[in-house]
Amino acid sequence: MSSSRSSSLRFTEGCTKIAGSTNQYCKFDSQLLTMFTSSLYLACVVASFLASSATRKFGSKVSMVSGGITFLIGAAINGAAMNVAMLIIGRILPGFGVGFANQ
């Protein structure tokens, strides 16, 4: 455990030391990129709270099928995305799908 902790500390120290370099791992500091990355996970958390009441009301089969359909619609939007907003929406929908299917 200590070796993995020390290697992660070395990685972050290296990123701060070479902030002016062209290293791809340290270069991106964008709120838009962070929103794109975390939109799926945030949607999963929200959907899992909503899915519990939907599963109680409609049953698990309907909940899982609607989650799968939502996931597929989001994947189609991601495939046809023309801008970052479409990509974020395309990640939110699969997040809801995973949250519902997880029930």
C-alpha atoms as a PDB file:
ATOM      1  CA  MET A   1       0.000   0.000   0.000  1.00  0.00           C
ATOM      2  CA  SER A   2       2.749   2.433   0.833  1.00  0.00           C
ATOM      3  CA  SER A   3       4.422   1.874  -2.546  1.00  0.00           C
ATOM      4  CA  SER A   4       1.241   2.769  -4.445  1.00  0.00           C
ATOM      5  CA  ARG A   5       0.734   5.813  -2.239  1.00  0.00           C
ATOM      6  CA  SER A   6       4.296   6.950  -2.747  1.00  0.00           C
ATOM      7  CA  SER A   7       4.059   6.449  -6.518  1.00  0.00           C
ATOM      8  CA  SER A   8       0.884   8.559  -6.677  1.00  0.00           C
ATOM      9  CA  LEU A   9       2.579  11.249  -4.634  1.00  0.00           C
ATOM     10  CA  ARG A  10       5.520  11.178  -7.024  1.00  0.00           C
ATOM     11  CA  PHE A  11       3.142  11.509  -9.969  1.00  0.00           C
ATOM     12  CA  THR A  12       1.394  14.584  -8.531  1.00  0.00           C
ATOM     13  CA  GLU A  13       4.700  16.137  -7.545  1.00  0.00           C
ATOM     14  CA  GLY A  14       5.932  15.550 -11.077  1.00  0.00           C
ATOM     15  CA  CYS A  15       2.862  17.250 -12.511  1.00  0.00           C
ATOM     16  CA  THR A  16       3.394  20.333 -10.415  1.00  0.00           C
ATOM     17  CA  LYS A  17       7.077  20.493 -11.303  1.00  0.00           C
ATOM     18  CA  ILE A  18       6.542  20.209 -15.055  1.00  0.00           C
ATOM     19  CA  ALA A  19       3.425  22.332 -15.439  1.00  0.00           C
ATOM     20  CA  GLY A  20       4.986  24.229 -18.328  1.00  0.00           C
ATOM     21  CA  SER A  21       5.880  21.075 -20.254  1.00  0.00           C
ATOM     22  CA  THR A  22       3.934  19.318 -23.012  1.00  0.00           C
ATOM     23  CA  ASN A  23       3.142  16.275 -20.865  1.00  0.00           C
ATOM     24  CA  GLN A  24      -0.408  15.190 -21.786  1.00  0.00           C
ATOM     25  CA  TYR A  25      -1.248  14.005 -18.263  1.00  0.00           C
ATOM     26  CA  CYS A  26      -0.604  17.366 -16.637  1.00  0.00           C
ATOM     27  CA  LYS A  27      -1.769  19.728 -19.353  1.00  0.00           C
ATOM     28  CA  PHE A  28      -5.559  19.638 -19.038  1.00  0.00           C
ATOM     29  CA  ASP A  29      -7.042  21.960 -16.443  1.00  0.00           C
ATOM     30  CA  SER A  30     -10.491  22.617 -17.859  1.00  0.00           C
ATOM     31  CA  GLN A  31     -13.796  22.817 -16.015  1.00  0.00           C
ATOM     32  CA  LEU A  32     -15.579  21.761 -19.199  1.00  0.00           C
ATOM     33  CA  LEU A  33     -13.465  18.604 -19.409  1.00  0.00           C
ATOM     34  CA  THR A  34     -14.140  17.924 -15.724  1.00  0.00           C
ATOM     35  CA  MET A  35     -17.884  18.355 -16.292  1.00  0.00           C
ATOM     36  CA  PHE A  36     -17.733  15.977 -19.248  1.00  0.00           C
ATOM     37  CA  THR A  37     -15.937  13.362 -17.189  1.00  0.00           C
ATOM     38  CA  SER A  38     -18.059  13.597 -14.051  1.00  0.00           C
ATOM     39  CA  SER A  39     -21.475  14.005 -15.710  1.00  0.00           C
ATOM     40  CA  LEU A  40     -21.910  10.234 -16.043  1.00  0.00           C
ATOM     41  CA  TYR A  41     -21.135   9.577 -12.390  1.00  0.00           C
ATOM     42  CA  LEU A  42     -23.272  12.419 -11.070  1.00  0.00           C
ATOM     43  CA  ALA A  43     -26.213  11.199 -13.147  1.00  0.00           C
ATOM     44  CA  CYS A  44     -25.723   7.676 -11.755  1.00  0.00           C
ATOM     45  CA  VAL A  45     -25.977   8.957  -8.203  1.00  0.00           C
ATOM     46  CA  VAL A  46     -29.110  11.005  -8.890  1.00  0.00           C
ATOM     47  CA  ALA A  47     -30.760   8.205 -10.865  1.00  0.00           C
ATOM     48  CA  SER A  48     -30.128   5.591  -8.199  1.00  0.00           C
ATOM     49  CA  PHE A  49     -32.158   7.664  -5.726  1.00  0.00           C
ATOM     50  CA  LEU A  50     -34.969   8.119  -8.240  1.00  0.00           C
ATOM     51  CA  ALA A  51     -34.867   4.501  -9.369  1.00  0.00           C
ATOM     52  CA  SER A  52     -35.719   3.088  -5.970  1.00  0.00           C
ATOM     53  CA  SER A  53     -39.175   4.669  -5.944  1.00  0.00           C
ATOM     54  CA  ALA A  54     -39.704   3.894  -9.642  1.00  0.00           C
ATOM     55  CA  THR A  55     -38.786   0.254  -9.040  1.00  0.00           C
ATOM     56  CA  ARG A  56     -41.232   0.025  -6.153  1.00  0.00           C
ATOM     57  CA  LYS A  57     -44.009   1.578  -8.221  1.00  0.00           C
ATOM     58  CA  PHE A  58     -43.468  -0.082 -11.635  1.00  0.00           C
ATOM     59  CA  GLY A  59     -41.357  -3.151 -10.884  1.00  0.00           C
ATOM     60  CA  SER A  60     -37.764  -4.070 -11.539  1.00  0.00           C
ATOM     61  CA  LYS A  61     -38.287  -5.230 -15.130  1.00  0.00           C
ATOM     62  CA  VAL A  62     -39.695  -1.869 -16.244  1.00  0.00           C
ATOM     63  CA  SER A  63     -36.957  -0.048 -14.340  1.00  0.00           C
ATOM     64  CA  MET A  64     -34.172  -2.089 -15.955  1.00  0.00           C
ATOM     65  CA  VAL A  65     -35.653  -1.856 -19.469  1.00  0.00           C
ATOM     66  CA  SER A  66     -36.090   1.909 -19.174  1.00  0.00           C
ATOM     67  CA  GLY A  67     -32.506   2.157 -17.931  1.00  0.00           C
ATOM     68  CA  GLY A  68     -31.277   0.194 -20.924  1.00  0.00           C
ATOM     69  CA  ILE A  69     -33.262   2.324 -23.361  1.00  0.00           C
ATOM     70  CA  THR A  70     -31.978   5.510 -21.735  1.00  0.00           C
ATOM     71  CA  PHE A  71     -28.436   4.181 -21.989  1.00  0.00           C
ATOM     72  CA  LEU A  72     -28.846   3.389 -25.689  1.00  0.00           C
ATOM     73  CA  ILE A  73     -30.317   6.819 -26.451  1.00  0.00           C
ATOM     74  CA  GLY A  74     -27.370   8.448 -24.677  1.00  0.00           C
ATOM     75  CA  ALA A  75     -24.915   6.288 -26.602  1.00  0.00           C
ATOM     76  CA  ALA A  76     -26.566   7.338 -29.881  1.00  0.00           C
ATOM     77  CA  ILE A  77     -26.326  11.000 -28.895  1.00  0.00           C
ATOM     78  CA  ASN A  78     -22.642  10.517 -28.052  1.00  0.00           C
ATOM     79  CA  GLY A  79     -22.066   8.879 -31.414  1.00  0.00           C
ATOM     80  CA  ALA A  80     -23.705  11.764 -33.268  1.00  0.00           C
ATOM     81  CA  ALA A  81     -22.339  14.568 -31.080  1.00  0.00           C
ATOM     82  CA  MET A  82     -21.362  17.747 -32.865  1.00  0.00           C
ATOM     83  CA  ASN A  83     -20.335  19.797 -29.827  1.00  0.00           C
ATOM     84  CA  VAL A  84     -19.418  19.463 -26.169  1.00  0.00           C
ATOM     85  CA  ALA A  85     -22.971  20.094 -24.949  1.00  0.00           C
ATOM     86  CA  MET A  86     -24.177  17.060 -26.887  1.00  0.00           C
ATOM     87  CA  LEU A  87     -21.340  15.013 -25.413  1.00  0.00           C
ATOM     88  CA  ILE A  88     -22.284  16.032 -21.871  1.00  0.00           C
ATOM     89  CA  ILE A  89     -25.971  15.259 -22.463  1.00  0.00           C
ATOM     90  CA  GLY A  90     -24.897  12.016 -24.082  1.00  0.00           C
ATOM     91  CA  ARG A  91     -23.014  11.134 -20.897  1.00  0.00           C
ATOM     92  CA  ILE A  92     -25.818  12.148 -18.552  1.00  0.00           C
ATOM     93  CA  LEU A  93     -28.330   9.819 -20.236  1.00  0.00           C
ATOM     94  CA  PRO A  94     -26.162   6.686 -19.894  1.00  0.00           C
ATOM     95  CA  GLY A  95     -25.555   7.732 -16.300  1.00  0.00           C
ATOM     96  CA  PHE A  96     -29.289   7.679 -15.687  1.00  0.00           C
ATOM     97  CA  GLY A  97     -29.473   4.359 -17.501  1.00  0.00           C
ATOM     98  CA  VAL A  98     -26.810   2.784 -15.330  1.00  0.00           C
ATOM     99  CA  GLY A  99     -28.422   4.204 -12.190  1.00  0.00           C
ATOM    100  CA  PHE A 100     -31.811   2.737 -13.112  1.00  0.00           C
ATOM    101  CA  ALA A 101     -30.447  -0.601 -14.284  1.00  0.00           C
ATOM    102  CA  ASN A 102     -28.434  -0.914 -11.091  1.00  0.00           C
ATOM    103  CA  GLN A 103     -31.602  -1.247  -8.984  1.00  0.00           C
END
